[in-house]
Amino acid sequence: METLVWVVHVVVALAVIALVLLQHGKGADMGAAFGGGSAGSLFGASGSANFLSRSTAVVATLFFLTSLGLAYFGLQQHKPASVLDRTAVPVPATQPVPAAPAGENAGSKAGAIPQ
């Protein structure tokens, strides 16, 4: 399921890029108002702008939904058991140090550090 969401996400991202690059800026509308020749196009004088902007809105909504889906899958894979698991630093287990024997020969044991 996650792979399918990844594929849809990439396709939708490419569609958003294409739709944004196909749209013309606000300054291009002035040229159309003074006879820019777009009145005889497939969508009419302002029809392409409405079609492209609505398509961009739909594809952007799909992009956000797939982003939320991928975030959900990512959270499920690395979900900690509790709040303490997120912040706790593991402490290495140490063994207790044996106490040195009391007496005069305490420093002469093998393994004792000479002073």
PDB file of N, CA and C in Angstrom:
ATOM      1  N   MET A   1       0.827  -1.195   0.000  1.00  0.00           N
ATOM      2  CA  MET A   1       0.000   0.000   0.000  1.00  0.00           C
ATOM      3  C   MET A   1       0.873   1.262   0.000  1.00  0.00           C
ATOM      4  N   GLU A   2       1.956   1.212   0.764  1.00  0.00           N
ATOM      5  CA  GLU A   2       2.832   2.373   0.839  1.00  0.00           C
ATOM      6  C   GLU A   2       3.492   2.650  -0.517  1.00  0.00           C
ATOM      7  N   THR A   3       3.837   1.596  -1.230  1.00  0.00           N
ATOM      8  CA  THR A   3       4.445   1.768  -2.547  1.00  0.00           C
ATOM      9  C   THR A   3       3.477   2.445  -3.510  1.00  0.00           C
ATOM     10  N   LEU A   4       2.228   2.074  -3.443  1.00  0.00           N
ATOM     11  CA  LEU A   4       1.212   2.702  -4.289  1.00  0.00           C
ATOM     12  C   LEU A   4       1.079   4.190  -3.977  1.00  0.00           C
ATOM     13  N   VAL A   5       1.099   4.537  -2.697  1.00  0.00           N
ATOM     14  CA  VAL A   5       1.000   5.947  -2.306  1.00  0.00           C
ATOM     15  C   VAL A   5       2.230   6.704  -2.789  1.00  0.00           C
ATOM     16  N   TRP A   6       3.414   6.070  -2.726  1.00  0.00           N
ATOM     17  CA  TRP A   6       4.640   6.709  -3.233  1.00  0.00           C
ATOM     18  C   TRP A   6       4.535   6.990  -4.729  1.00  0.00           C
ATOM     19  N   VAL A   7       4.052   6.021  -5.478  1.00  0.00           N
ATOM     20  CA  VAL A   7       3.933   6.200  -6.931  1.00  0.00           C
ATOM     21  C   VAL A   7       2.941   7.313  -7.253  1.00  0.00           C
ATOM     22  N   VAL A   8       1.793   7.306  -6.587  1.00  0.00           N
ATOM     23  CA  VAL A   8       0.792   8.353  -6.808  1.00  0.00           C
ATOM     24  C   VAL A   8       1.360   9.714  -6.409  1.00  0.00           C
ATOM     25  N   HIS A   9       2.103   9.763  -5.334  1.00  0.00           N
ATOM     26  CA  HIS A   9       2.689  11.015  -4.848  1.00  0.00           C
ATOM     27  C   HIS A   9       3.652  11.610  -5.880  1.00  0.00           C
ATOM     28  N   VAL A  10       4.505  10.773  -6.458  1.00  0.00           N
ATOM     29  CA  VAL A  10       5.469  11.266  -7.448  1.00  0.00           C
ATOM     30  C   VAL A  10       4.751  11.733  -8.711  1.00  0.00           C
ATOM     31  N   VAL A  11       3.755  10.975  -9.159  1.00  0.00           N
ATOM     32  CA  VAL A  11       3.004  11.366 -10.358  1.00  0.00           C
ATOM     33  C   VAL A  11       2.258  12.675 -10.118  1.00  0.00           C
ATOM     34  N   VAL A  12       1.657  12.820  -8.959  1.00  0.00           N
ATOM     35  CA  VAL A  12       0.919  14.044  -8.632  1.00  0.00           C
ATOM     36  C   VAL A  12       1.884  15.224  -8.509  1.00  0.00           C
ATOM     37  N   ALA A  13       3.078  14.999  -7.948  1.00  0.00           N
ATOM     38  CA  ALA A  13       4.065  16.075  -7.840  1.00  0.00           C
ATOM     39  C   ALA A  13       4.485  16.563  -9.226  1.00  0.00           C
ATOM     40  N   LEU A  14       4.709  15.629 -10.148  1.00  0.00           N
ATOM     41  CA  LEU A  14       5.056  16.024 -11.512  1.00  0.00           C
ATOM     42  C   LEU A  14       3.895  16.764 -12.185  1.00  0.00           C
ATOM     43  N   ALA A  15       2.664  16.346 -11.902  1.00  0.00           N
ATOM     44  CA  ALA A  15       1.502  17.030 -12.468  1.00  0.00           C
ATOM     45  C   ALA A  15       1.374  18.449 -11.929  1.00  0.00           C
ATOM     46  N   VAL A  16       1.662  18.649 -10.646  1.00  0.00           N
ATOM     47  CA  VAL A  16       1.616  19.994 -10.068  1.00  0.00           C
ATOM     48  C   VAL A  16       2.650  20.887 -10.756  1.00  0.00           C
ATOM     49  N   ILE A  17       3.846  20.352 -10.943  1.00  0.00           N
ATOM     50  CA  ILE A  17       4.902  21.133 -11.605  1.00  0.00           C
ATOM     51  C   ILE A  17       4.469  21.513 -13.018  1.00  0.00           C
ATOM     52  N   ALA A  18       3.937  20.547 -13.761  1.00  0.00           N
ATOM     53  CA  ALA A  18       3.517  20.819 -15.140  1.00  0.00           C
ATOM     54  C   ALA A  18       2.383  21.843 -15.193  1.00  0.00           C
ATOM     55  N   LEU A  19       1.406  21.704 -14.319  1.00  0.00           N
ATOM     56  CA  LEU A  19       0.273  22.636 -14.336  1.00  0.00           C
ATOM     57  C   LEU A  19       0.689  24.050 -13.945  1.00  0.00           C
ATOM     58  N   VAL A  20       1.602  24.174 -13.010  1.00  0.00           N
ATOM     59  CA  VAL A  20       2.053  25.510 -12.616  1.00  0.00           C
ATOM     60  C   VAL A  20       2.848  26.151 -13.745  1.00  0.00           C
ATOM     61  N   LEU A  21       3.669  25.358 -14.436  1.00  0.00           N
ATOM     62  CA  LEU A  21       4.450  25.925 -15.539  1.00  0.00           C
ATOM     63  C   LEU A  21       3.584  26.256 -16.756  1.00  0.00           C
ATOM     64  N   LEU A  22       2.462  25.570 -16.929  1.00  0.00           N
ATOM     65  CA  LEU A  22       1.573  25.865 -18.057  1.00  0.00           C
ATOM     66  C   LEU A  22       0.780  27.157 -17.872  1.00  0.00           C
ATOM     67  N   GLN A  23       0.568  27.556 -16.637  1.00  0.00           N
ATOM     68  CA  GLN A  23      -0.233  28.758 -16.385  1.00  0.00           C
ATOM     69  C   GLN A  23       0.580  29.996 -16.727  1.00  0.00           C
ATOM     70  N   HIS A  24      -0.104  31.015 -17.175  1.00  0.00           N
ATOM     71  CA  HIS A  24       0.571  32.270 -17.456  1.00  0.00           C
ATOM     72  C   HIS A  24       0.292  33.243 -16.328  1.00  0.00           C
ATOM     73  N   GLY A  25       1.176  34.191 -16.198  1.00  0.00           N
ATOM     74  CA  GLY A  25       1.096  35.138 -15.093  1.00  0.00           C
ATOM     75  C   GLY A  25      -0.043  36.121 -15.238  1.00  0.00           C
ATOM     76  N   LYS A  26      -0.198  36.971 -14.228  1.00  0.00           N
ATOM     77  CA  LYS A  26      -1.289  37.949 -14.242  1.00  0.00           C
ATOM     78  C   LYS A  26      -1.068  39.015 -15.307  1.00  0.00           C
ATOM     79  N   GLY A  27       0.158  39.282 -15.663  1.00  0.00           N
ATOM     80  CA  GLY A  27       0.448  40.275 -16.690  1.00  0.00           C
ATOM     81  C   GLY A  27       0.046  39.810 -18.074  1.00  0.00           C
ATOM     82  N   ALA A  28      -0.101  38.515 -18.275  1.00  0.00           N
ATOM     83  CA  ALA A  28      -0.485  37.991 -19.577  1.00  0.00           C
ATOM     84  C   ALA A  28      -1.950  38.282 -19.886  1.00  0.00           C
ATOM     85  N   ASP A  29      -2.763  38.544 -18.880  1.00  0.00           N
ATOM     86  CA  ASP A  29      -4.181  38.843 -19.101  1.00  0.00           C
ATOM     87  C   ASP A  29      -4.377  40.190 -19.806  1.00  0.00           C
ATOM     88  N   MET A  30      -3.463  41.113 -19.613  1.00  0.00           N
ATOM     89  CA  MET A  30      -3.570  42.408 -20.285  1.00  0.00           C
ATOM     90  C   MET A  30      -3.407  42.241 -21.801  1.00  0.00           C
ATOM     91  N   GLY A  31      -2.525  41.372 -22.217  1.00  0.00           N
ATOM     92  CA  GLY A  31      -2.340  41.128 -23.643  1.00  0.00           C
ATOM     93  C   GLY A  31      -3.571  40.513 -24.263  1.00  0.00           C
ATOM     94  N   ALA A  32      -4.262  39.668 -23.547  1.00  0.00           N
ATOM     95  CA  ALA A  32      -5.482  39.046 -24.054  1.00  0.00           C
ATOM     96  C   ALA A  32      -6.616  40.065 -24.148  1.00  0.00           C
ATOM     97  N   ALA A  33      -6.617  41.042 -23.268  1.00  0.00           N
ATOM     98  CA  ALA A  33      -7.674  42.053 -23.279  1.00  0.00           C
ATOM     99  C   ALA A  33      -7.569  42.961 -24.498  1.00  0.00           C
ATOM    100  N   PHE A  34      -6.360  43.162 -25.004  1.00  0.00           N
ATOM    101  CA  PHE A  34      -6.162  44.045 -26.155  1.00  0.00           C
ATOM    102  C   PHE A  34      -5.941  43.256 -27.438  1.00  0.00           C
ATOM    103  N   GLY A  35      -6.557  42.101 -27.546  1.00  0.00           N
ATOM    104  CA  GLY A  35      -6.498  41.361 -28.794  1.00  0.00           C
ATOM    105  C   GLY A  35      -5.284  40.465 -28.904  1.00  0.00           C
ATOM    106  N   GLY A  36      -4.974  39.740 -27.864  1.00  0.00           N
ATOM    107  CA  GLY A  36      -3.816  38.853 -27.882  1.00  0.00           C
ATOM    108  C   GLY A  36      -4.052  37.591 -28.682  1.00  0.00           C
ATOM    109  N   GLY A  37      -5.245  37.340 -29.142  1.00  0.00           N
ATOM    110  CA  GLY A  37      -5.516  36.185 -29.969  1.00  0.00           C
ATOM    111  C   GLY A  37      -5.962  34.957 -29.207  1.00  0.00           C
ATOM    112  N   SER A  38      -6.115  35.048 -27.905  1.00  0.00           N
ATOM    113  CA  SER A  38      -6.515  33.873 -27.139  1.00  0.00           C
ATOM    114  C   SER A  38      -8.025  33.654 -27.161  1.00  0.00           C
ATOM    115  N   ALA A  39      -8.772  34.605 -27.704  1.00  0.00           N
ATOM    116  CA  ALA A  39     -10.222  34.455 -27.738  1.00  0.00           C
ATOM    117  C   ALA A  39     -10.640  33.301 -28.634  1.00  0.00           C
ATOM    118  N   GLY A  40      -9.819  32.959 -29.605  1.00  0.00           N
ATOM    119  CA  GLY A  40     -10.163  31.868 -30.494  1.00  0.00           C
ATOM    120  C   GLY A  40      -9.565  30.546 -30.077  1.00  0.00           C
ATOM    121  N   SER A  41      -9.104  30.440 -28.854  1.00  0.00           N
ATOM    122  CA  SER A  41      -8.475  29.199 -28.395  1.00  0.00           C
ATOM    123  C   SER A  41      -9.539  28.176 -28.011  1.00  0.00           C
ATOM    124  N   LEU A  42      -9.088  27.029 -27.610  1.00  0.00           N
ATOM    125  CA  LEU A  42      -9.985  25.924 -27.268  1.00  0.00           C
ATOM    126  C   LEU A  42     -10.902  26.268 -26.091  1.00  0.00           C
ATOM    127  N   PHE A  43     -10.352  26.963 -25.095  1.00  0.00           N
ATOM    128  CA  PHE A  43     -11.118  27.253 -23.883  1.00  0.00           C
ATOM    129  C   PHE A  43     -11.759  28.639 -23.897  1.00  0.00           C
ATOM    130  N   GLY A  44     -11.502  29.456 -24.896  1.00  0.00           N
ATOM    131  CA  GLY A  44     -12.032  30.813 -24.927  1.00  0.00           C
ATOM    132  C   GLY A  44     -11.042  31.787 -24.324  1.00  0.00           C
ATOM    133  N   ALA A  45     -11.495  33.027 -24.106  1.00  0.00           N
ATOM    134  CA  ALA A  45     -10.588  34.075 -23.638  1.00  0.00           C
ATOM    135  C   ALA A  45     -10.065  33.812 -22.233  1.00  0.00           C
ATOM    136  N   SER A  46     -10.919  33.387 -21.321  1.00  0.00           N
ATOM    137  CA  SER A  46     -10.456  33.150 -19.944  1.00  0.00           C
ATOM    138  C   SER A  46     -10.715  31.712 -19.497  1.00  0.00           C
ATOM    139  N   GLY A  47     -11.150  30.871 -20.395  1.00  0.00           N
ATOM    140  CA  GLY A  47     -11.482  29.504 -20.005  1.00  0.00           C
ATOM    141  C   GLY A  47     -10.275  28.675 -19.615  1.00  0.00           C
ATOM    142  N   SER A  48      -9.132  28.884 -20.278  1.00  0.00           N
ATOM    143  CA  SER A  48      -7.955  28.080 -19.945  1.00  0.00           C
ATOM    144  C   SER A  48      -7.439  28.411 -18.564  1.00  0.00           C
ATOM    145  N   ALA A  49      -7.539  29.689 -18.174  1.00  0.00           N
ATOM    146  CA  ALA A  49      -7.079  30.073 -16.841  1.00  0.00           C
ATOM    147  C   ALA A  49      -7.931  29.391 -15.774  1.00  0.00           C
ATOM    148  N   ASN A  50      -9.240  29.359 -15.976  1.00  0.00           N
ATOM    149  CA  ASN A  50     -10.102  28.700 -14.998  1.00  0.00           C
ATOM    150  C   ASN A  50      -9.845  27.196 -14.959  1.00  0.00           C
ATOM    151  N   PHE A  51      -9.695  26.594 -16.133  1.00  0.00           N
ATOM    152  CA  PHE A  51      -9.452  25.152 -16.190  1.00  0.00           C
ATOM    153  C   PHE A  51      -8.130  24.792 -15.530  1.00  0.00           C
ATOM    154  N   LEU A  52      -7.073  25.541 -15.849  1.00  0.00           N
ATOM    155  CA  LEU A  52      -5.757  25.244 -15.278  1.00  0.00           C
ATOM    156  C   LEU A  52      -5.710  25.513 -13.777  1.00  0.00           C
ATOM    157  N   SER A  53      -6.345  26.584 -13.326  1.00  0.00           N
ATOM    158  CA  SER A  53      -6.319  26.890 -11.896  1.00  0.00           C
ATOM    159  C   SER A  53      -7.129  25.868 -11.097  1.00  0.00           C
ATOM    160  N   ARG A  54      -8.250  25.432 -11.655  1.00  0.00           N
ATOM    161  CA  ARG A  54      -9.042  24.402 -10.954  1.00  0.00           C
ATOM    162  C   ARG A  54      -8.315  23.064 -10.958  1.00  0.00           C
ATOM    163  N   SER A  55      -7.691  22.744 -12.074  1.00  0.00           N
ATOM    164  CA  SER A  55      -6.912  21.492 -12.137  1.00  0.00           C
ATOM    165  C   SER A  55      -5.757  21.522 -11.158  1.00  0.00           C
ATOM    166  N   THR A  56      -5.096  22.668 -11.055  1.00  0.00           N
ATOM    167  CA  THR A  56      -3.989  22.807 -10.112  1.00  0.00           C
ATOM    168  C   THR A  56      -4.477  22.638  -8.677  1.00  0.00           C
ATOM    169  N   ALA A  57      -5.641  23.190  -8.361  1.00  0.00           N
ATOM    170  CA  ALA A  57      -6.186  23.059  -7.009  1.00  0.00           C
ATOM    171  C   ALA A  57      -6.497  21.594  -6.684  1.00  0.00           C
ATOM    172  N   VAL A  58      -7.064  20.877  -7.650  1.00  0.00           N
ATOM    173  CA  VAL A  58      -7.394  19.464  -7.421  1.00  0.00           C
ATOM    174  C   VAL A  58      -6.124  18.638  -7.241  1.00  0.00           C
ATOM    175  N   VAL A  59      -5.143  18.870  -8.100  1.00  0.00           N
ATOM    176  CA  VAL A  59      -3.900  18.098  -8.029  1.00  0.00           C
ATOM    177  C   VAL A  59      -3.117  18.462  -6.757  1.00  0.00           C
ATOM    178  N   ALA A  60      -3.150  19.727  -6.356  1.00  0.00           N
ATOM    179  CA  ALA A  60      -2.481  20.124  -5.117  1.00  0.00           C
ATOM    180  C   ALA A  60      -3.140  19.470  -3.902  1.00  0.00           C
ATOM    181  N   THR A  61      -4.458  19.349  -3.930  1.00  0.00           N
ATOM    182  CA  THR A  61      -5.159  18.657  -2.843  1.00  0.00           C
ATOM    183  C   THR A  61      -4.755  17.191  -2.783  1.00  0.00           C
ATOM    184  N   LEU A  62      -4.644  16.555  -3.942  1.00  0.00           N
ATOM    185  CA  LEU A  62      -4.165  15.162  -3.976  1.00  0.00           C
ATOM    186  C   LEU A  62      -2.740  15.055  -3.450  1.00  0.00           C
ATOM    187  N   PHE A  63      -1.909  16.044  -3.769  1.00  0.00           N
ATOM    188  CA  PHE A  63      -0.528  16.047  -3.286  1.00  0.00           C
ATOM    189  C   PHE A  63      -0.483  16.115  -1.759  1.00  0.00           C
ATOM    190  N   PHE A  64      -1.293  16.980  -1.180  1.00  0.00           N
ATOM    191  CA  PHE A  64      -1.324  17.091   0.287  1.00  0.00           C
ATOM    192  C   PHE A  64      -1.865  15.814   0.928  1.00  0.00           C
ATOM    193  N   LEU A  65      -2.864  15.202   0.311  1.00  0.00           N
ATOM    194  CA  LEU A  65      -3.411  13.960   0.865  1.00  0.00           C
ATOM    195  C   LEU A  65      -2.385  12.822   0.808  1.00  0.00           C
ATOM    196  N   THR A  66      -1.657  12.728  -0.296  1.00  0.00           N
ATOM    197  CA  THR A  66      -0.629  11.678  -0.363  1.00  0.00           C
ATOM    198  C   THR A  66       0.514  11.982   0.594  1.00  0.00           C
ATOM    199  N   SER A  67       0.811  13.257   0.808  1.00  0.00           N
ATOM    200  CA  SER A  67       1.840  13.623   1.796  1.00  0.00           C
ATOM    201  C   SER A  67       1.418  13.197   3.194  1.00  0.00           C
ATOM    202  N   LEU A  68       0.160  13.414   3.527  1.00  0.00           N
ATOM    203  CA  LEU A  68      -0.341  12.984   4.838  1.00  0.00           C
ATOM    204  C   LEU A  68      -0.328  11.462   4.957  1.00  0.00           C
ATOM    205  N   GLY A  69      -0.654  10.774   3.874  1.00  0.00           N
ATOM    206  CA  GLY A  69      -0.601   9.312   3.887  1.00  0.00           C
ATOM    207  C   GLY A  69       0.804   8.791   4.101  1.00  0.00           C
ATOM    208  N   LEU A  70       1.788   9.402   3.444  1.00  0.00           N
ATOM    209  CA  LEU A  70       3.177   8.981   3.635  1.00  0.00           C
ATOM    210  C   LEU A  70       3.667   9.295   5.048  1.00  0.00           C
ATOM    211  N   ALA A  71       3.222  10.405   5.604  1.00  0.00           N
ATOM    212  CA  ALA A  71       3.584  10.729   6.986  1.00  0.00           C
ATOM    213  C   ALA A  71       2.989   9.709   7.951  1.00  0.00           C
ATOM    214  N   TYR A  72       1.772   9.268   7.677  1.00  0.00           N
ATOM    215  CA  TYR A  72       1.134   8.252   8.514  1.00  0.00           C
ATOM    216  C   TYR A  72       1.913   6.936   8.456  1.00  0.00           C
ATOM    217  N   PHE A  73       2.287   6.514   7.230  1.00  0.00           N
ATOM    218  CA  PHE A  73       3.063   5.272   7.100  1.00  0.00           C
ATOM    219  C   PHE A  73       4.411   5.385   7.798  1.00  0.00           C
ATOM    220  N   GLY A  74       5.042   6.536   7.693  1.00  0.00           N
ATOM    221  CA  GLY A  74       6.324   6.739   8.357  1.00  0.00           C
ATOM    222  C   GLY A  74       6.206   6.708   9.871  1.00  0.00           C
ATOM    223  N   LEU A  75       5.110   7.221  10.392  1.00  0.00           N
ATOM    224  CA  LEU A  75       4.899   7.213  11.841  1.00  0.00           C
ATOM    225  C   LEU A  75       4.637   5.797  12.340  1.00  0.00           C
ATOM    226  N   GLN A  76       3.928   4.998  11.570  1.00  0.00           N
ATOM    227  CA  GLN A  76       3.612   3.637  11.994  1.00  0.00           C
ATOM    228  C   GLN A  76       4.844   2.748  12.031  1.00  0.00           C
ATOM    229  N   GLN A  77       5.818   2.999  11.185  1.00  0.00           N
ATOM    230  CA  GLN A  77       7.019   2.164  11.150  1.00  0.00           C
ATOM    231  C   GLN A  77       7.939   2.438  12.323  1.00  0.00           C
ATOM    232  N   HIS A  78       7.990   3.661  12.776  1.00  0.00           N
ATOM    233  CA  HIS A  78       8.928   4.046  13.833  1.00  0.00           C
ATOM    234  C   HIS A  78       8.199   4.552  15.066  1.00  0.00           C
ATOM    235  N   LYS A  79       7.108   3.910  15.406  1.00  0.00           N
ATOM    236  CA  LYS A  79       6.287   4.383  16.514  1.00  0.00           C
ATOM    237  C   LYS A  79       6.885   3.916  17.843  1.00  0.00           C
ATOM    238  N   PRO A  80       7.292   4.849  18.713  1.00  0.00           N
ATOM    239  CA  PRO A  80       7.805   4.455  20.020  1.00  0.00           C
ATOM    240  C   PRO A  80       6.685   3.970  20.937  1.00  0.00           C
ATOM    241  N   ALA A  81       7.044   3.155  21.919  1.00  0.00           N
ATOM    242  CA  ALA A  81       6.043   2.584  22.807  1.00  0.00           C
ATOM    243  C   ALA A  81       5.513   3.623  23.802  1.00  0.00           C
ATOM    244  N   SER A  82       6.357   4.546  24.243  1.00  0.00           N
ATOM    245  CA  SER A  82       5.913   5.541  25.202  1.00  0.00           C
ATOM    246  C   SER A  82       6.698   6.831  25.013  1.00  0.00           C
ATOM    247  N   VAL A  83       6.329   7.841  25.776  1.00  0.00           N
ATOM    248  CA  VAL A  83       7.017   9.120  25.712  1.00  0.00           C
ATOM    249  C   VAL A  83       8.451   8.961  26.206  1.00  0.00           C
ATOM    250  N   LEU A  84       8.650   8.122  27.211  1.00  0.00           N
ATOM    251  CA  LEU A  84       9.998   7.926  27.750  1.00  0.00           C
ATOM    252  C   LEU A  84      10.919   7.269  26.727  1.00  0.00           C
ATOM    253  N   ASP A  85      10.383   6.442  25.843  1.00  0.00           N
ATOM    254  CA  ASP A  85      11.213   5.822  24.820  1.00  0.00           C
ATOM    255  C   ASP A  85      11.739   6.845  23.827  1.00  0.00           C
ATOM    256  N   ARG A  86      11.028   7.937  23.650  1.00  0.00           N
ATOM    257  CA  ARG A  86      11.475   8.975  22.721  1.00  0.00           C
ATOM    258  C   ARG A  86      12.603   9.796  23.299  1.00  0.00           C
ATOM    259  N   THR A  87      12.648   9.962  24.639  1.00  0.00           N
ATOM    260  CA  THR A  87      13.622  10.868  25.241  1.00  0.00           C
ATOM    261  C   THR A  87      14.693  10.157  26.048  1.00  0.00           C
ATOM    262  N   ALA A  88      14.452   8.927  26.464  1.00  0.00           N
ATOM    263  CA  ALA A  88      15.390   8.248  27.343  1.00  0.00           C
ATOM    264  C   ALA A  88      16.660   7.862  26.588  1.00  0.00           C
ATOM    265  N   VAL A  89      17.796   8.088  27.247  1.00  0.00           N
ATOM    266  CA  VAL A  89      19.087   7.691  26.699  1.00  0.00           C
ATOM    267  C   VAL A  89      19.448   6.361  27.340  1.00  0.00           C
ATOM    268  N   PRO A  90      19.760   5.341  26.557  1.00  0.00           N
ATOM    269  CA  PRO A  90      20.089   4.053  27.168  1.00  0.00           C
ATOM    270  C   PRO A  90      21.383   4.138  27.980  1.00  0.00           C
ATOM    271  N   VAL A  91      21.332   3.625  29.182  1.00  0.00           N
ATOM    272  CA  VAL A  91      22.479   3.630  30.078  1.00  0.00           C
ATOM    273  C   VAL A  91      23.127   2.255  30.009  1.00  0.00           C
ATOM    274  N   PRO A  92      24.430   2.198  29.714  1.00  0.00           N
ATOM    275  CA  PRO A  92      25.074   0.887  29.639  1.00  0.00           C
ATOM    276  C   PRO A  92      25.102   0.207  31.001  1.00  0.00           C
ATOM    277  N   ALA A  93      24.894  -1.078  30.989  1.00  0.00           N
ATOM    278  CA  ALA A  93      24.899  -1.836  32.241  1.00  0.00           C
ATOM    279  C   ALA A  93      26.340  -1.981  32.728  1.00  0.00           C
ATOM    280  N   THR A  94      26.541  -1.630  33.985  1.00  0.00           N
ATOM    281  CA  THR A  94      27.882  -1.766  34.570  1.00  0.00           C
ATOM    282  C   THR A  94      27.812  -2.761  35.707  1.00  0.00           C
ATOM    283  N   GLN A  95      28.895  -3.475  35.890  1.00  0.00           N
ATOM    284  CA  GLN A  95      28.964  -4.415  36.999  1.00  0.00           C
ATOM    285  C   GLN A  95      29.620  -3.725  38.182  1.00  0.00           C
ATOM    286  N   PRO A  96      29.177  -4.074  39.384  1.00  0.00           N
ATOM    287  CA  PRO A  96      29.752  -3.398  40.558  1.00  0.00           C
ATOM    288  C   PRO A  96      31.239  -3.758  40.702  1.00  0.00           C
ATOM    289  N   VAL A  97      31.992  -2.783  41.140  1.00  0.00           N
ATOM    290  CA  VAL A  97      33.427  -2.975  41.363  1.00  0.00           C
ATOM    291  C   VAL A  97      33.600  -3.677  42.706  1.00  0.00           C
ATOM    292  N   PRO A  98      34.374  -4.796  42.751  1.00  0.00           N
ATOM    293  CA  PRO A  98      34.561  -5.476  44.038  1.00  0.00           C
ATOM    294  C   PRO A  98      35.358  -4.603  45.007  1.00  0.00           C
ATOM    295  N   ALA A  99      34.962  -4.669  46.253  1.00  0.00           N
ATOM    296  CA  ALA A  99      35.628  -3.866  47.273  1.00  0.00           C
ATOM    297  C   ALA A  99      37.018  -4.440  47.550  1.00  0.00           C
ATOM    298  N   ALA A 100      37.976  -3.541  47.811  1.00  0.00           N
ATOM    299  CA  ALA A 100      39.352  -3.970  48.117  1.00  0.00           C
ATOM    300  C   ALA A 100      39.371  -4.540  49.530  1.00  0.00           C
ATOM    301  N   PRO A 101      40.087  -5.648  49.718  1.00  0.00           N
ATOM    302  CA  PRO A 101      40.158  -6.214  51.080  1.00  0.00           C
ATOM    303  C   PRO A 101      40.921  -5.291  52.021  1.00  0.00           C
ATOM    304  N   ALA A 102      40.451  -5.224  53.226  1.00  0.00           N
ATOM    305  CA  ALA A 102      41.089  -4.364  54.220  1.00  0.00           C
ATOM    306  C   ALA A 102      42.295  -5.095  54.812  1.00  0.00           C
ATOM    307  N   GLY A 103      43.316  -4.386  55.093  1.00  0.00           N
ATOM    308  CA  GLY A 103      44.494  -4.998  55.719  1.00  0.00           C
ATOM    309  C   GLY A 103      45.776  -4.493  55.094  1.00  0.00           C
ATOM    310  N   GLU A 104      46.903  -5.067  55.570  1.00  0.00           N
ATOM    311  CA  GLU A 104      48.210  -4.595  55.141  1.00  0.00           C
ATOM    312  C   GLU A 104      48.554  -5.079  53.734  1.00  0.00           C
ATOM    313  N   ASN A 105      48.068  -6.241  53.311  1.00  0.00           N
ATOM    314  CA  ASN A 105      48.434  -6.796  52.011  1.00  0.00           C
ATOM    315  C   ASN A 105      47.463  -6.396  50.908  1.00  0.00           C
ATOM    316  N   ALA A 106      46.653  -5.402  51.143  1.00  0.00           N
ATOM    317  CA  ALA A 106      45.648  -5.014  50.161  1.00  0.00           C
ATOM    318  C   ALA A 106      46.302  -4.491  48.885  1.00  0.00           C
ATOM    319  N   GLY A 107      47.425  -3.836  48.948  1.00  0.00           N
ATOM    320  CA  GLY A 107      48.081  -3.284  47.787  1.00  0.00           C
ATOM    321  C   GLY A 107      48.969  -4.276  47.059  1.00  0.00           C
ATOM    322  N   SER A 108      49.246  -5.432  47.641  1.00  0.00           N
ATOM    323  CA  SER A 108      50.157  -6.380  47.022  1.00  0.00           C
ATOM    324  C   SER A 108      49.438  -7.425  46.202  1.00  0.00           C
ATOM    325  N   LYS A 109      48.175  -7.337  46.029  1.00  0.00           N
ATOM    326  CA  LYS A 109      47.394  -8.298  45.240  1.00  0.00           C
ATOM    327  C   LYS A 109      47.813  -8.184  43.782  1.00  0.00           C
ATOM    328  N   ALA A 110      47.700  -9.278  43.060  1.00  0.00           N
ATOM    329  CA  ALA A 110      47.973  -9.257  41.617  1.00  0.00           C
ATOM    330  C   ALA A 110      46.876  -8.438  40.945  1.00  0.00           C
ATOM    331  N   GLY A 111      47.230  -7.554  40.086  1.00  0.00           N
ATOM    332  CA  GLY A 111      46.252  -6.721  39.413  1.00  0.00           C
ATOM    333  C   GLY A 111      46.048  -5.381  40.106  1.00  0.00           C
ATOM    334  N   ALA A 112      46.677  -5.160  41.247  1.00  0.00           N
ATOM    335  CA  ALA A 112      46.562  -3.886  41.929  1.00  0.00           C
ATOM    336  C   ALA A 112      47.455  -2.892  41.226  1.00  0.00           C
ATOM    337  N   ILE A 113      47.060  -1.655  41.227  1.00  0.00           N
ATOM    338  CA  ILE A 113      47.827  -0.610  40.567  1.00  0.00           C
ATOM    339  C   ILE A 113      48.886  -0.095  41.531  1.00  0.00           C
ATOM    340  N   PRO A 114      50.170  -0.150  41.122  1.00  0.00           N
ATOM    341  CA  PRO A 114      51.226   0.373  42.022  1.00  0.00           C
ATOM    342  C   PRO A 114      51.157   1.886  42.094  1.00  0.00           C
ATOM    343  N   GLN A 115      51.572   2.417  43.225  1.00  0.00           N
ATOM    344  CA  GLN A 115      51.492   3.870  43.408  1.00  0.00           C
ATOM    345  C   GLN A 115      52.842   4.492  43.361  1.00  0.00           C
TER     346      GLN A 115
END
